[in-house]
N, C-alpha and C. Protein backbone atom coordinates (compact mmCIF):
# COMPACT_ATOMS: atom_id res chain seq x y z
N UNK A 1 85.18 119.72 -5.98
CA UNK A 1 84.80 121.10 -5.77
C UNK A 1 84.32 121.28 -4.33
N UNK A 2 84.78 122.32 -3.67
CA UNK A 2 84.39 122.58 -2.29
C UNK A 2 83.06 123.33 -2.24
N UNK A 3 82.45 123.31 -1.05
CA UNK A 3 81.21 124.07 -0.86
C UNK A 3 81.48 125.55 -1.13
N UNK A 4 80.46 126.24 -1.61
CA UNK A 4 80.63 127.65 -1.92
C UNK A 4 80.16 128.54 -0.77
N UNK A 5 79.65 127.94 0.31
CA UNK A 5 79.28 128.72 1.49
C UNK A 5 79.23 127.81 2.72
N UNK A 6 79.29 128.43 3.89
CA UNK A 6 79.17 127.71 5.16
C UNK A 6 78.56 128.65 6.19
N UNK A 7 77.62 128.15 6.98
CA UNK A 7 77.01 128.96 8.03
C UNK A 7 78.01 129.17 9.16
N UNK A 8 77.98 130.37 9.75
CA UNK A 8 78.90 130.74 10.82
C UNK A 8 78.09 131.17 12.04
N UNK A 9 78.40 130.67 13.24
CA UNK A 9 77.69 131.15 14.43
C UNK A 9 78.06 132.61 14.71
N UNK A 10 77.12 133.35 15.27
CA UNK A 10 77.37 134.76 15.59
C UNK A 10 76.55 135.14 16.83
N UNK A 11 77.12 135.94 17.70
CA UNK A 11 76.45 136.29 18.97
C UNK A 11 75.19 137.12 18.78
N UNK A 12 75.02 137.77 17.62
CA UNK A 12 73.85 138.62 17.40
C UNK A 12 72.75 137.96 16.57
N UNK A 13 72.88 136.66 16.28
CA UNK A 13 71.83 135.97 15.52
C UNK A 13 70.49 136.13 16.22
N UNK A 14 69.45 136.42 15.45
CA UNK A 14 68.08 136.62 15.93
C UNK A 14 67.92 137.86 16.81
N UNK A 15 68.89 138.77 16.74
CA UNK A 15 68.80 140.04 17.47
C UNK A 15 68.68 141.19 16.47
N UNK A 16 68.20 142.32 16.95
CA UNK A 16 68.08 143.51 16.11
C UNK A 16 69.47 144.13 15.94
N UNK A 17 69.85 144.37 14.67
CA UNK A 17 71.16 144.93 14.35
C UNK A 17 71.01 146.12 13.41
N UNK A 18 72.08 146.87 13.30
CA UNK A 18 72.13 148.02 12.39
C UNK A 18 73.30 147.82 11.44
N UNK A 19 73.06 148.07 10.15
CA UNK A 19 74.12 148.06 9.15
C UNK A 19 74.77 149.43 9.17
N UNK A 20 76.01 149.50 9.58
CA UNK A 20 76.72 150.77 9.70
C UNK A 20 76.79 151.50 8.36
N UNK A 21 77.00 150.77 7.26
CA UNK A 21 77.16 151.38 5.94
C UNK A 21 75.90 152.10 5.47
N UNK A 22 74.74 151.49 5.66
CA UNK A 22 73.49 152.08 5.13
C UNK A 22 72.62 152.70 6.21
N UNK A 23 72.84 152.33 7.47
CA UNK A 23 71.99 152.80 8.56
C UNK A 23 70.71 151.98 8.71
N UNK A 24 70.49 151.01 7.84
CA UNK A 24 69.28 150.18 7.89
C UNK A 24 69.36 149.23 9.08
N UNK A 25 68.18 148.95 9.67
CA UNK A 25 68.10 148.05 10.80
C UNK A 25 67.21 146.86 10.49
N UNK A 26 67.43 145.79 11.21
CA UNK A 26 66.61 144.60 11.07
C UNK A 26 67.13 143.48 11.94
N UNK A 27 66.57 142.28 11.76
CA UNK A 27 66.96 141.12 12.55
C UNK A 27 68.02 140.32 11.80
N UNK A 28 69.11 140.00 12.49
CA UNK A 28 70.17 139.20 11.89
C UNK A 28 69.68 137.76 11.76
N UNK A 29 69.53 137.30 10.52
CA UNK A 29 68.98 135.97 10.25
C UNK A 29 70.07 134.92 10.09
N UNK A 30 71.21 135.29 9.52
CA UNK A 30 72.28 134.32 9.29
C UNK A 30 73.58 135.06 9.00
N UNK A 31 74.68 134.37 9.28
CA UNK A 31 76.00 134.81 8.84
C UNK A 31 76.58 133.65 8.05
N UNK A 32 77.01 133.95 6.85
CA UNK A 32 77.49 132.92 5.94
C UNK A 32 78.88 133.28 5.44
N UNK A 33 79.79 132.33 5.51
CA UNK A 33 81.12 132.47 4.91
C UNK A 33 80.97 131.99 3.47
N UNK A 34 81.03 132.91 2.52
CA UNK A 34 80.70 132.59 1.14
C UNK A 34 81.87 132.86 0.20
N UNK A 35 82.04 131.97 -0.75
CA UNK A 35 83.05 132.16 -1.80
C UNK A 35 82.45 133.12 -2.82
N UNK A 36 82.95 134.34 -2.87
CA UNK A 36 82.42 135.36 -3.78
C UNK A 36 83.30 135.56 -5.00
N UNK A 37 84.25 134.65 -5.20
CA UNK A 37 85.16 134.76 -6.33
C UNK A 37 84.43 134.55 -7.65
N UNK A 38 84.87 135.24 -8.67
CA UNK A 38 84.32 135.02 -10.02
C UNK A 38 85.28 134.19 -10.87
N UNK A 39 86.28 133.61 -10.21
CA UNK A 39 87.28 132.80 -10.91
C UNK A 39 87.38 131.42 -10.26
N UNK A 40 87.45 130.39 -11.07
CA UNK A 40 87.61 129.04 -10.56
C UNK A 40 89.04 128.78 -10.09
N UNK A 41 89.95 129.65 -10.49
CA UNK A 41 91.36 129.47 -10.15
C UNK A 41 91.74 130.01 -8.78
N UNK A 42 90.97 130.97 -8.28
CA UNK A 42 91.31 131.62 -7.02
C UNK A 42 90.04 131.86 -6.21
N UNK A 43 89.99 131.32 -5.01
CA UNK A 43 88.83 131.51 -4.15
C UNK A 43 88.98 132.79 -3.35
N UNK A 44 87.86 133.47 -3.12
CA UNK A 44 87.83 134.67 -2.26
C UNK A 44 86.62 134.52 -1.35
N UNK A 45 86.88 134.27 -0.07
CA UNK A 45 85.82 134.03 0.90
C UNK A 45 85.53 135.30 1.70
N UNK A 46 84.26 135.49 2.02
CA UNK A 46 83.83 136.69 2.73
C UNK A 46 82.68 136.32 3.66
N UNK A 47 82.68 136.87 4.87
CA UNK A 47 81.57 136.64 5.79
C UNK A 47 80.49 137.67 5.54
N UNK A 48 79.31 137.20 5.15
CA UNK A 48 78.17 138.07 4.85
C UNK A 48 77.09 137.90 5.90
N UNK A 49 76.52 139.02 6.33
CA UNK A 49 75.41 139.02 7.28
C UNK A 49 74.11 139.19 6.49
N UNK A 50 73.14 138.34 6.76
CA UNK A 50 71.81 138.43 6.14
C UNK A 50 70.87 139.04 7.17
N UNK A 51 70.33 140.22 6.85
CA UNK A 51 69.48 140.97 7.77
C UNK A 51 68.09 141.11 7.18
N UNK A 52 67.06 140.80 7.97
CA UNK A 52 65.67 140.96 7.51
C UNK A 52 65.15 142.29 8.04
N UNK A 53 64.86 143.19 7.10
CA UNK A 53 64.36 144.51 7.45
C UNK A 53 62.88 144.50 7.81
N UNK A 54 62.35 145.66 8.15
CA UNK A 54 60.95 145.79 8.56
C UNK A 54 59.98 145.38 7.46
N UNK A 55 60.38 145.51 6.19
CA UNK A 55 59.53 145.15 5.06
C UNK A 55 59.43 143.63 4.88
N UNK A 56 60.30 142.89 5.56
CA UNK A 56 60.34 141.44 5.39
C UNK A 56 61.38 140.98 4.39
N UNK A 57 61.93 141.91 3.64
CA UNK A 57 62.98 141.58 2.68
C UNK A 57 64.33 141.53 3.39
N UNK A 58 65.16 140.60 2.93
CA UNK A 58 66.49 140.48 3.50
C UNK A 58 67.51 141.19 2.62
N UNK A 59 68.53 141.72 3.27
CA UNK A 59 69.64 142.34 2.56
C UNK A 59 70.92 141.85 3.20
N UNK A 60 72.01 142.00 2.48
CA UNK A 60 73.30 141.53 2.98
C UNK A 60 74.26 142.70 3.17
N UNK A 61 75.19 142.48 4.05
CA UNK A 61 76.30 143.39 4.27
C UNK A 61 77.44 142.57 4.83
N UNK A 62 78.63 143.09 4.80
CA UNK A 62 79.74 142.38 5.41
C UNK A 62 79.52 142.32 6.92
N UNK A 63 79.92 141.24 7.53
CA UNK A 63 79.67 141.05 8.96
C UNK A 63 80.38 142.12 9.80
N UNK A 64 81.44 142.70 9.29
CA UNK A 64 82.15 143.77 10.01
C UNK A 64 81.33 145.06 10.08
N UNK A 65 80.27 145.16 9.27
CA UNK A 65 79.44 146.37 9.25
C UNK A 65 78.22 146.29 10.14
N UNK A 66 78.08 145.25 10.95
CA UNK A 66 76.89 145.17 11.80
C UNK A 66 77.24 145.47 13.26
N UNK A 67 76.26 146.07 13.92
CA UNK A 67 76.38 146.37 15.35
C UNK A 67 74.99 146.21 15.95
N UNK A 68 74.89 146.01 17.27
CA UNK A 68 73.57 145.93 17.88
C UNK A 68 72.82 147.24 17.65
N UNK A 69 71.53 147.13 17.35
CA UNK A 69 70.72 148.33 17.13
C UNK A 69 70.41 148.96 18.49
N UNK A 70 70.27 150.27 18.50
CA UNK A 70 69.90 150.99 19.72
C UNK A 70 68.50 150.57 20.12
N UNK A 71 68.29 150.39 21.40
CA UNK A 71 66.98 150.00 21.91
C UNK A 71 66.12 151.25 22.05
N UNK A 72 64.92 151.17 21.50
CA UNK A 72 63.99 152.30 21.57
C UNK A 72 63.34 152.33 22.96
N UNK A 73 63.24 153.51 23.54
CA UNK A 73 62.62 153.64 24.86
C UNK A 73 61.25 154.30 24.77
N UNK A 74 60.66 154.26 23.60
CA UNK A 74 59.34 154.89 23.39
C UNK A 74 58.25 154.02 23.91
């Protein structure tokens, strides 16, 4: 049986990012290539971004949905 996930390097790791789908912002903690298949017969791999929001809780989104967060000038 192969591993069900693998860490992937990303240029925005440890930087503030925005999830385009939800608009939520936080620090990109990890990008993981994960087997999200529910079948042992067919693997389906997806790159997931783990983002830690202001509350300290992490949430995931597809890596294609992240962009650098706008810098506040306040």
